[in-house]
Amino acid sequence: MTAATYQYVDLPDACVVTTRALLSARENITDTVAARAMMCIHGGAGAGFGKTLAVNTCLRELEPAEDVRKITFRARPIARAVRYELFTALDLAGEPPRHPSEFDRLLKTALAERPRTFLVDEAQWLNPEACG
């Protein structure tokens, strides 16, 4: 992840204030990463509620020991778009396979190599067909 993931990056002397919600997010994210599980941070729609800031702040604290990869999908991506985003996020060499079965095999092999943490921002944009 890069500094650009912080919403306040252009504000001089800005810093994150630790709140009860941030502490709760930190504990839950740390436990989820340790368990190699999945979790969802949710709340009101729109900017300003602090969900993305909390997740980015907590994941930054886990780096560099944790390999964090961020993925953002456009609205309602098809399965092919999900494969390409994973291919890119995994920094896989070469050209992406053309056939879905080959692509899936490549991704499964790469994902099995070592643990990684994926941050899927705006996951509500995914549709069931793309996740299957």
Protein backbone atom coordinates (compact mmCIF):
# COMPACT_ATOMS: atom_id res chain seq x y z
CA MET A 1 0.00 0.00 0.00
CA THR A 2 1.16 3.52 -0.60
CA ALA A 3 0.77 6.84 1.16
CA ALA A 4 -1.83 7.74 -1.45
CA THR A 5 -4.28 5.42 0.32
CA TYR A 6 -4.62 8.00 3.08
CA GLN A 7 -7.31 10.57 2.55
CA TYR A 8 -5.42 13.28 4.48
CA VAL A 9 -2.12 12.87 2.62
CA ASP A 10 -2.07 16.49 1.34
CA LEU A 11 -2.77 18.11 4.71
CA PRO A 12 0.33 19.44 6.46
CA ASP A 13 0.94 17.92 9.91
CA ALA A 14 -2.22 15.80 9.71
CA CYS A 15 -2.38 12.60 11.74
CA VAL A 16 -4.85 9.90 12.65
CA VAL A 17 -6.52 10.22 16.05
CA THR A 18 -7.02 6.87 17.73
CA THR A 19 -10.69 6.40 18.58
CA ARG A 20 -12.58 3.51 20.11
CA ALA A 21 -13.77 2.55 16.61
CA LEU A 22 -10.21 2.56 15.26
CA LEU A 23 -9.00 0.40 18.16
CA SER A 24 -11.84 -2.04 17.52
CA ALA A 25 -11.02 -2.16 13.80
CA ARG A 26 -7.32 -2.70 14.59
CA GLU A 27 -8.08 -5.62 16.90
CA ASN A 28 -10.50 -7.23 14.45
CA ILE A 29 -8.23 -6.78 11.44
CA THR A 30 -5.19 -8.12 13.32
CA ASP A 31 -7.17 -11.19 14.45
CA THR A 32 -8.57 -11.74 10.95
CA VAL A 33 -5.15 -11.54 9.29
CA ALA A 34 -3.66 -13.88 11.89
CA ALA A 35 -6.46 -16.40 11.29
CA ARG A 36 -6.18 -15.99 7.48
CA ALA A 37 -9.90 -15.34 7.45
CA MET A 38 -12.22 -12.82 5.80
CA MET A 39 -13.99 -9.86 7.32
CA CYS A 40 -16.11 -6.95 6.24
CA ILE A 41 -15.97 -3.40 7.54
CA HIS A 42 -19.29 -1.74 6.83
CA GLY A 43 -21.16 1.40 7.72
CA GLY A 44 -22.95 4.32 6.17
CA ALA A 45 -22.46 4.83 2.47
CA GLY A 46 -20.37 7.70 1.23
CA ALA A 47 -17.28 9.50 2.33
CA GLY A 48 -16.50 10.65 5.82
CA PHE A 49 -17.44 7.70 7.99
CA GLY A 50 -13.82 6.53 8.31
CA LYS A 51 -14.10 2.92 7.12
CA THR A 52 -11.40 3.15 4.45
CA LEU A 53 -9.15 5.28 6.65
CA ALA A 54 -9.44 2.80 9.52
CA VAL A 55 -8.65 -0.21 7.33
CA ASN A 56 -5.73 1.50 5.60
CA THR A 57 -4.28 2.69 8.91
CA CYS A 58 -4.54 -0.75 10.51
CA LEU A 59 -3.12 -2.62 7.51
CA ARG A 60 -0.22 -0.15 7.25
CA GLU A 61 0.73 -1.07 10.83
CA LEU A 62 1.00 -4.73 9.77
CA GLU A 63 3.40 -3.98 6.91
CA PRO A 64 6.10 -4.87 5.93
CA ALA A 65 5.69 -8.19 7.75
CA GLU A 66 2.34 -8.67 6.03
CA ASP A 67 2.06 -8.71 2.23
CA VAL A 68 -0.94 -6.41 1.69
CA ARG A 69 -2.47 -6.09 -1.77
CA LYS A 70 -5.26 -3.62 -2.54
CA ILE A 71 -7.88 -4.29 -5.19
CA THR A 72 -10.68 -1.97 -6.26
CA PHE A 73 -13.21 -3.21 -8.77
CA ARG A 74 -15.41 -1.11 -10.97
CA ALA A 75 -19.14 -1.57 -10.50
CA ARG A 76 -20.40 -5.11 -11.14
CA PRO A 77 -17.28 -6.61 -12.75
CA ILE A 78 -17.51 -9.79 -14.76
CA ALA A 79 -15.44 -12.82 -13.73
CA ARG A 80 -12.80 -12.02 -16.34
CA ALA A 81 -12.24 -8.56 -14.80
CA VAL A 82 -11.84 -10.14 -11.35
CA ARG A 83 -9.21 -12.52 -12.74
CA TYR A 84 -7.29 -9.64 -14.34
CA GLU A 85 -7.37 -7.58 -11.14
CA LEU A 86 -6.00 -10.55 -9.17
CA PHE A 87 -3.35 -11.17 -11.84
CA THR A 88 -2.25 -7.54 -11.53
CA ALA A 89 -2.42 -7.45 -7.72
CA LEU A 90 -0.27 -10.59 -7.52
CA ASP A 91 2.36 -9.05 -9.83
CA LEU A 92 2.37 -12.17 -11.99
CA ALA A 93 4.83 -12.21 -14.87
CA GLY A 94 3.93 -12.62 -18.51
CA GLU A 95 0.63 -12.30 -20.25
CA PRO A 96 -2.62 -13.36 -18.58
CA PRO A 97 -4.00 -16.66 -19.90
CA ARG A 98 -6.81 -16.41 -22.43
CA HIS A 99 -8.88 -19.35 -21.21
CA PRO A 100 -10.73 -19.16 -17.88
CA SER A 101 -9.64 -22.62 -16.72
CA GLU A 102 -5.95 -21.83 -17.34
CA PHE A 103 -6.38 -18.44 -15.71
CA ASP A 104 -8.02 -19.98 -12.64
CA ARG A 105 -5.27 -22.61 -12.34
CA LEU A 106 -2.58 -19.91 -12.53
CA LEU A 107 -4.29 -17.78 -9.87
CA LYS A 108 -4.88 -20.72 -7.52
CA THR A 109 -1.23 -21.75 -7.81
CA ALA A 110 -0.01 -18.20 -7.16
CA LEU A 111 -2.37 -17.73 -4.21
CA ALA A 112 -1.24 -21.03 -2.66
CA GLU A 113 2.45 -20.06 -2.74
CA ARG A 114 2.34 -17.89 0.38
CA PRO A 115 -0.12 -15.99 2.53
CA ARG A 116 -1.19 -12.52 1.47
CA THR A 117 -3.77 -10.06 2.69
CA PHE A 118 -6.12 -8.62 0.11
CA LEU A 119 -8.02 -5.43 0.75
CA VAL A 120 -11.01 -5.29 -1.55
CA ASP A 121 -12.26 -1.73 -1.39
CA GLU A 122 -15.89 -1.16 -2.34
CA ALA A 123 -16.61 -4.90 -2.28
CA GLN A 124 -20.33 -4.21 -2.59
CA TRP A 125 -19.66 -3.57 -6.29
CA LEU A 126 -18.92 -7.27 -6.80
CA ASN A 127 -21.76 -9.44 -8.04
CA PRO A 128 -22.34 -13.11 -7.17
CA GLU A 129 -21.45 -14.28 -10.68
CA ALA A 130 -17.97 -12.70 -10.44
CA CYS A 131 -17.27 -14.32 -7.07
CA GLY A 132 -18.31 -17.85 -7.98
